[in-house]
Amino acid sequence: MRDRFLDFYAEQYPQVVRFVMIARRATLETAEDAAQEAFIEAWHTAHKPGAWERVGNREAWIRTIALRRHARPGGSRRREPPTVSGLEGLLADCSCPQSDPADLATGTMRVLEALHAIPDDLARAVMAFTLDGHPDSVIAAHLDLDTQKVRNLRTKARTLLRGHLASSRAQEGGTAR
């Protein structure tokens, strides 16, 4: 179980951080906090008899947990990192890549900025799930929407993205002269 969880963590952690940054306009630090807390909850779940096996789509589930952790009401964020018995050495064994916006290509930063410009929280969340390759039925289930609403929000988000990226390119072209 431990090795499978470490593999899951190594594969999903950077993606969950990116997902929260897109879906919630989060900073790297708050996205990492939400992701870490989500994985702590996953670790607890993995140790309850049969609970981990009942999680149907773990990739979507961990993202939903991370969104909930990030969306806690003001004042309820932890000041100190949570401690979990048995988890201290677990993450030290995992050599997963770190998400650092400074290492991202300029084009990726433009897209991230455009995604942050989407004013509708649900539309951003739909795009974040879509970018991670989740089908409409999974997105709908995890955001408590129907699939048509998911498609409508994705269309809305794509329209806003096209407009933002086009204006960004136009501004860049105007200043390059």
C-alpha atoms as a PDB file:
ATOM      1  CA  MET A   1       0.000   0.000   0.000  1.00  0.00           C
ATOM      2  CA  ARG A   2       2.776   2.416   0.917  1.00  0.00           C
ATOM      3  CA  ASP A   3       4.531   2.104  -2.452  1.00  0.00           C
ATOM      4  CA  ARG A   4       1.277   2.491  -4.383  1.00  0.00           C
ATOM      5  CA  PHE A   5       0.450   5.609  -2.380  1.00  0.00           C
ATOM      6  CA  LEU A   6       3.930   7.051  -3.017  1.00  0.00           C
ATOM      7  CA  ASP A   7       3.512   6.406  -6.744  1.00  0.00           C
ATOM      8  CA  PHE A   8       0.115   8.102  -6.658  1.00  0.00           C
ATOM      9  CA  TYR A   9       1.602  11.054  -4.754  1.00  0.00           C
ATOM     10  CA  ALA A  10       4.607  11.396  -7.076  1.00  0.00           C
ATOM     11  CA  GLU A  11       2.425  11.315 -10.167  1.00  0.00           C
ATOM     12  CA  GLN A  12      -0.399  13.517  -8.928  1.00  0.00           C
ATOM     13  CA  TYR A  13       1.090  16.116  -6.551  1.00  0.00           C
ATOM     14  CA  PRO A  14       2.450  18.552  -9.189  1.00  0.00           C
ATOM     15  CA  GLN A  15      -0.753  18.172 -11.197  1.00  0.00           C
ATOM     16  CA  VAL A  16      -2.940  18.844  -8.151  1.00  0.00           C
ATOM     17  CA  VAL A  17      -0.918  21.978  -7.332  1.00  0.00           C
ATOM     18  CA  ARG A  18      -1.348  23.220 -10.915  1.00  0.00           C
ATOM     19  CA  PHE A  19      -5.034  22.296 -10.805  1.00  0.00           C
ATOM     20  CA  VAL A  20      -5.656  24.379  -7.658  1.00  0.00           C
ATOM     21  CA  MET A  21      -3.654  27.294  -9.114  1.00  0.00           C
ATOM     22  CA  ILE A  22      -5.942  27.262 -12.162  1.00  0.00           C
ATOM     23  CA  ALA A  23      -9.265  26.429 -10.521  1.00  0.00           C
ATOM     24  CA  ARG A  24      -8.935  28.814  -7.571  1.00  0.00           C
ATOM     25  CA  ARG A  25      -6.476  31.463  -8.848  1.00  0.00           C
ATOM     26  CA  ALA A  26      -4.249  30.289  -6.036  1.00  0.00           C
ATOM     27  CA  THR A  27      -0.664  31.272  -5.455  1.00  0.00           C
ATOM     28  CA  LEU A  28       1.898  28.501  -5.616  1.00  0.00           C
ATOM     29  CA  GLU A  29       2.163  28.486  -1.835  1.00  0.00           C
ATOM     30  CA  THR A  30      -1.565  28.213  -1.107  1.00  0.00           C
ATOM     31  CA  ALA A  31      -2.000  25.618  -3.866  1.00  0.00           C
ATOM     32  CA  GLU A  32       0.801  23.554  -2.337  1.00  0.00           C
ATOM     33  CA  ASP A  33      -0.822  23.855   1.105  1.00  0.00           C
ATOM     34  CA  ALA A  34      -4.161  22.655  -0.267  1.00  0.00           C
ATOM     35  CA  ALA A  35      -2.519  19.783  -2.149  1.00  0.00           C
ATOM     36  CA  GLN A  36      -0.526  18.699   0.899  1.00  0.00           C
ATOM     37  CA  GLU A  37      -3.610  18.696   3.086  1.00  0.00           C
ATOM     38  CA  ALA A  38      -5.524  16.735   0.444  1.00  0.00           C
ATOM     39  CA  PHE A  39      -2.789  14.101   0.343  1.00  0.00           C
ATOM     40  CA  ILE A  40      -2.801  13.897   4.137  1.00  0.00           C
ATOM     41  CA  GLU A  41      -6.519  13.174   3.968  1.00  0.00           C
ATOM     42  CA  ALA A  42      -5.852  10.603   1.242  1.00  0.00           C
ATOM     43  CA  TRP A  43      -3.216   8.969   3.455  1.00  0.00           C
ATOM     44  CA  HIS A  44      -5.755   8.705   6.270  1.00  0.00           C
ATOM     45  CA  THR A  45      -8.334   7.285   3.872  1.00  0.00           C
ATOM     46  CA  ALA A  46      -5.836   4.749   2.552  1.00  0.00           C
ATOM     47  CA  HIS A  47      -5.468   3.354   6.062  1.00  0.00           C
ATOM     48  CA  LYS A  48      -9.178   2.825   6.703  1.00  0.00           C
ATOM     49  CA  PRO A  49     -10.185  -0.737   5.809  1.00  0.00           C
ATOM     50  CA  GLY A  50     -11.710  -0.751   2.334  1.00  0.00           C
ATOM     51  CA  ALA A  51     -12.009   3.042   2.071  1.00  0.00           C
ATOM     52  CA  TRP A  52      -9.224   3.541  -0.494  1.00  0.00           C
ATOM     53  CA  GLU A  53     -10.685   0.833  -2.721  1.00  0.00           C
ATOM     54  CA  ARG A  54     -14.086   2.555  -2.660  1.00  0.00           C
ATOM     55  CA  VAL A  55     -12.619   5.757  -4.140  1.00  0.00           C
ATOM     56  CA  GLY A  56     -13.572   5.276  -7.777  1.00  0.00           C
ATOM     57  CA  ASN A  57     -11.546   7.941  -9.556  1.00  0.00           C
ATOM     58  CA  ARG A  58      -8.655   8.843  -7.272  1.00  0.00           C
ATOM     59  CA  GLU A  59      -7.273  11.534  -9.580  1.00  0.00           C
ATOM     60  CA  ALA A  60     -10.545  13.482  -9.606  1.00  0.00           C
ATOM     61  CA  TRP A  61     -11.176  12.736  -5.920  1.00  0.00           C
ATOM     62  CA  ILE A  62      -7.823  14.189  -4.767  1.00  0.00           C
ATOM     63  CA  ARG A  63      -8.478  17.345  -6.819  1.00  0.00           C
ATOM     64  CA  THR A  64     -11.912  17.753  -5.241  1.00  0.00           C
ATOM     65  CA  ILE A  65     -10.404  17.383  -1.766  1.00  0.00           C
ATOM     66  CA  ALA A  66      -7.707  19.958  -2.638  1.00  0.00           C
ATOM     67  CA  LEU A  67     -10.390  22.421  -3.822  1.00  0.00           C
ATOM     68  CA  ARG A  68     -12.244  21.979  -0.527  1.00  0.00           C
ATOM     69  CA  ARG A  69      -9.053  22.509   1.462  1.00  0.00           C
ATOM     70  CA  HIS A  70      -8.286  25.682  -0.453  1.00  0.00           C
ATOM     71  CA  ALA A  71     -11.849  27.009  -0.119  1.00  0.00           C
ATOM     72  CA  ARG A  72     -12.029  26.819   3.685  1.00  0.00           C
ATOM     73  CA  PRO A  73     -13.618  29.923   5.240  1.00  0.00           C
ATOM     74  CA  GLY A  74     -11.312  32.761   6.208  1.00  0.00           C
ATOM     75  CA  GLY A  75      -9.492  32.277   9.459  1.00  0.00           C
ATOM     76  CA  SER A  76      -9.619  28.493   9.313  1.00  0.00           C
ATOM     77  CA  ARG A  77      -6.345  27.998   7.459  1.00  0.00           C
ATOM     78  CA  ARG A  78      -3.655  26.295   9.455  1.00  0.00           C
ATOM     79  CA  ARG A  79      -0.705  28.409  10.521  1.00  0.00           C
ATOM     80  CA  GLU A  80       1.634  25.437  10.966  1.00  0.00           C
ATOM     81  CA  PRO A  81       1.912  22.420   8.696  1.00  0.00           C
ATOM     82  CA  PRO A  82      -0.247  19.581   9.990  1.00  0.00           C
ATOM     83  CA  THR A  83       1.469  16.642  11.621  1.00  0.00           C
ATOM     84  CA  VAL A  84       0.446  13.120  10.868  1.00  0.00           C
ATOM     85  CA  SER A  85       1.914  10.134  12.657  1.00  0.00           C
ATOM     86  CA  GLY A  86       3.562   7.731  10.246  1.00  0.00           C
ATOM     87  CA  LEU A  87       3.654  10.274   7.421  1.00  0.00           C
ATOM     88  CA  GLU A  88       6.886  12.084   8.308  1.00  0.00           C
ATOM     89  CA  GLY A  89       9.209   9.740   6.437  1.00  0.00           C
ATOM     90  CA  LEU A  90       6.739   8.863   3.711  1.00  0.00           C
ATOM     91  CA  LEU A  91       7.037  12.039   1.683  1.00  0.00           C
ATOM     92  CA  ALA A  92      10.799  12.168   2.190  1.00  0.00           C
ATOM     93  CA  ASP A  93      11.006   8.883   0.263  1.00  0.00           C
ATOM     94  CA  CYS A  94       9.225  10.427  -2.685  1.00  0.00           C
ATOM     95  CA  SER A  95      11.346  12.264  -5.197  1.00  0.00           C
ATOM     96  CA  CYS A  96       8.670  14.076  -7.160  1.00  0.00           C
ATOM     97  CA  PRO A  97       9.315  17.159  -9.277  1.00  0.00           C
ATOM     98  CA  GLN A  98       8.610  20.527  -7.705  1.00  0.00           C
ATOM     99  CA  SER A  99       6.248  22.979  -9.334  1.00  0.00           C
ATOM    100  CA  ASP A 100       8.018  26.282  -9.791  1.00  0.00           C
ATOM    101  CA  PRO A 101       6.395  28.949 -11.963  1.00  0.00           C
ATOM    102  CA  ALA A 102       9.843  30.434 -12.665  1.00  0.00           C
ATOM    103  CA  ASP A 103      10.679  27.262 -14.574  1.00  0.00           C
ATOM    104  CA  LEU A 104       7.575  27.405 -16.746  1.00  0.00           C
ATOM    105  CA  ALA A 105       7.827  28.581 -20.335  1.00  0.00           C
ATOM    106  CA  THR A 106       6.535  32.055 -21.185  1.00  0.00           C
ATOM    107  CA  GLY A 107       3.665  30.574 -23.205  1.00  0.00           C
ATOM    108  CA  THR A 108       2.563  28.466 -20.268  1.00  0.00           C
ATOM    109  CA  MET A 109       2.600  31.520 -18.007  1.00  0.00           C
ATOM    110  CA  ARG A 110       0.409  33.394 -20.520  1.00  0.00           C
ATOM    111  CA  VAL A 111      -2.097  30.565 -20.534  1.00  0.00           C
ATOM    112  CA  LEU A 112      -2.092  30.398 -16.732  1.00  0.00           C
ATOM    113  CA  GLU A 113      -2.668  34.160 -16.598  1.00  0.00           C
ATOM    114  CA  ALA A 114      -5.522  33.782 -19.097  1.00  0.00           C
ATOM    115  CA  LEU A 115      -7.047  30.989 -17.018  1.00  0.00           C
ATOM    116  CA  HIS A 116      -6.845  33.198 -13.926  1.00  0.00           C
ATOM    117  CA  ALA A 117      -8.688  35.910 -15.869  1.00  0.00           C
ATOM    118  CA  ILE A 118     -11.798  33.717 -16.132  1.00  0.00           C
ATOM    119  CA  PRO A 119     -14.117  35.354 -13.585  1.00  0.00           C
ATOM    120  CA  ASP A 120     -16.394  32.335 -13.021  1.00  0.00           C
ATOM    121  CA  ASP A 121     -15.028  29.925 -10.379  1.00  0.00           C
ATOM    122  CA  LEU A 122     -16.953  26.953 -11.779  1.00  0.00           C
ATOM    123  CA  ALA A 123     -15.803  27.647 -15.348  1.00  0.00           C
ATOM    124  CA  ARG A 124     -12.173  27.738 -14.137  1.00  0.00           C
ATOM    125  CA  ALA A 125     -12.681  24.479 -12.226  1.00  0.00           C
ATOM    126  CA  VAL A 126     -14.194  22.831 -15.313  1.00  0.00           C
ATOM    127  CA  MET A 127     -11.191  23.954 -17.380  1.00  0.00           C
ATOM    128  CA  ALA A 128      -8.773  22.677 -14.741  1.00  0.00           C
ATOM    129  CA  PHE A 129     -10.467  19.261 -14.720  1.00  0.00           C
ATOM    130  CA  THR A 130     -10.547  19.304 -18.549  1.00  0.00           C
ATOM    131  CA  LEU A 131      -6.844  20.110 -18.774  1.00  0.00           C
ATOM    132  CA  ASP A 132      -6.188  17.095 -16.547  1.00  0.00           C
ATOM    133  CA  GLY A 133      -8.090  14.900 -19.012  1.00  0.00           C
ATOM    134  CA  HIS A 134     -11.220  14.117 -17.005  1.00  0.00           C
ATOM    135  CA  PRO A 135     -14.424  13.342 -18.939  1.00  0.00           C
ATOM    136  CA  ASP A 136     -17.561  15.433 -18.525  1.00  0.00           C
ATOM    137  CA  SER A 137     -19.280  12.784 -16.389  1.00  0.00           C
ATOM    138  CA  VAL A 138     -16.430  12.825 -13.841  1.00  0.00           C
ATOM    139  CA  ILE A 139     -16.280  16.632 -13.810  1.00  0.00           C
ATOM    140  CA  ALA A 140     -20.040  16.821 -13.320  1.00  0.00           C
ATOM    141  CA  ALA A 141     -19.962  14.337 -10.449  1.00  0.00           C
ATOM    142  CA  HIS A 142     -17.133  16.079  -8.607  1.00  0.00           C
ATOM    143  CA  LEU A 143     -18.514  19.605  -9.062  1.00  0.00           C
ATOM    144  CA  ASP A 144     -22.127  18.537  -8.448  1.00  0.00           C
ATOM    145  CA  LEU A 145     -23.300  19.705 -11.885  1.00  0.00           C
ATOM    146  CA  ASP A 146     -25.037  18.062 -14.806  1.00  0.00           C
ATOM    147  CA  THR A 147     -22.972  17.249 -17.895  1.00  0.00           C
ATOM    148  CA  GLN A 148     -24.671  19.898 -20.045  1.00  0.00           C
ATOM    149  CA  LYS A 149     -23.699  22.577 -17.498  1.00  0.00           C
ATOM    150  CA  VAL A 150     -20.112  21.285 -17.661  1.00  0.00           C
ATOM    151  CA  ARG A 151     -20.109  21.648 -21.470  1.00  0.00           C
ATOM    152  CA  ASN A 152     -21.645  25.131 -21.244  1.00  0.00           C
ATOM    153  CA  LEU A 153     -19.069  26.280 -18.681  1.00  0.00           C
ATOM    154  CA  ARG A 154     -16.224  24.873 -20.802  1.00  0.00           C
ATOM    155  CA  THR A 155     -17.526  26.730 -23.874  1.00  0.00           C
ATOM    156  CA  LYS A 156     -17.784  29.940 -21.842  1.00  0.00           C
ATOM    157  CA  ALA A 157     -14.255  29.491 -20.470  1.00  0.00           C
ATOM    158  CA  ARG A 158     -12.773  28.763 -23.907  1.00  0.00           C
ATOM    159  CA  THR A 159     -14.410  31.871 -25.362  1.00  0.00           C
ATOM    160  CA  LEU A 160     -12.974  33.989 -22.548  1.00  0.00           C
ATOM    161  CA  LEU A 161      -9.553  32.347 -22.965  1.00  0.00           C
ATOM    162  CA  ARG A 162      -9.482  33.039 -26.710  1.00  0.00           C
ATOM    163  CA  GLY A 163     -10.346  36.689 -26.104  1.00  0.00           C
ATOM    164  CA  HIS A 164      -7.768  37.118 -23.356  1.00  0.00           C
ATOM    165  CA  LEU A 165      -4.986  35.388 -25.299  1.00  0.00           C
ATOM    166  CA  ALA A 166      -5.797  37.362 -28.469  1.00  0.00           C
ATOM    167  CA  SER A 167      -5.672  40.687 -26.608  1.00  0.00           C
ATOM    168  CA  SER A 168      -2.461  39.614 -24.874  1.00  0.00           C
ATOM    169  CA  ARG A 169      -0.844  38.833 -28.237  1.00  0.00           C
ATOM    170  CA  ALA A 170      -2.083  42.126 -29.685  1.00  0.00           C
ATOM    171  CA  GLN A 171      -0.604  44.076 -26.766  1.00  0.00           C
ATOM    172  CA  GLU A 172       2.657  42.201 -27.084  1.00  0.00           C
ATOM    173  CA  GLY A 173       2.786  42.912 -30.818  1.00  0.00           C
ATOM    174  CA  GLY A 174       2.084  46.600 -30.188  1.00  0.00           C
ATOM    175  CA  THR A 175       4.890  46.961 -27.677  1.00  0.00           C
ATOM    176  CA  ALA A 176       7.455  45.028 -29.689  1.00  0.00           C
ATOM    177  CA  ARG A 177       7.893  47.752 -32.320  1.00  0.00           C
END
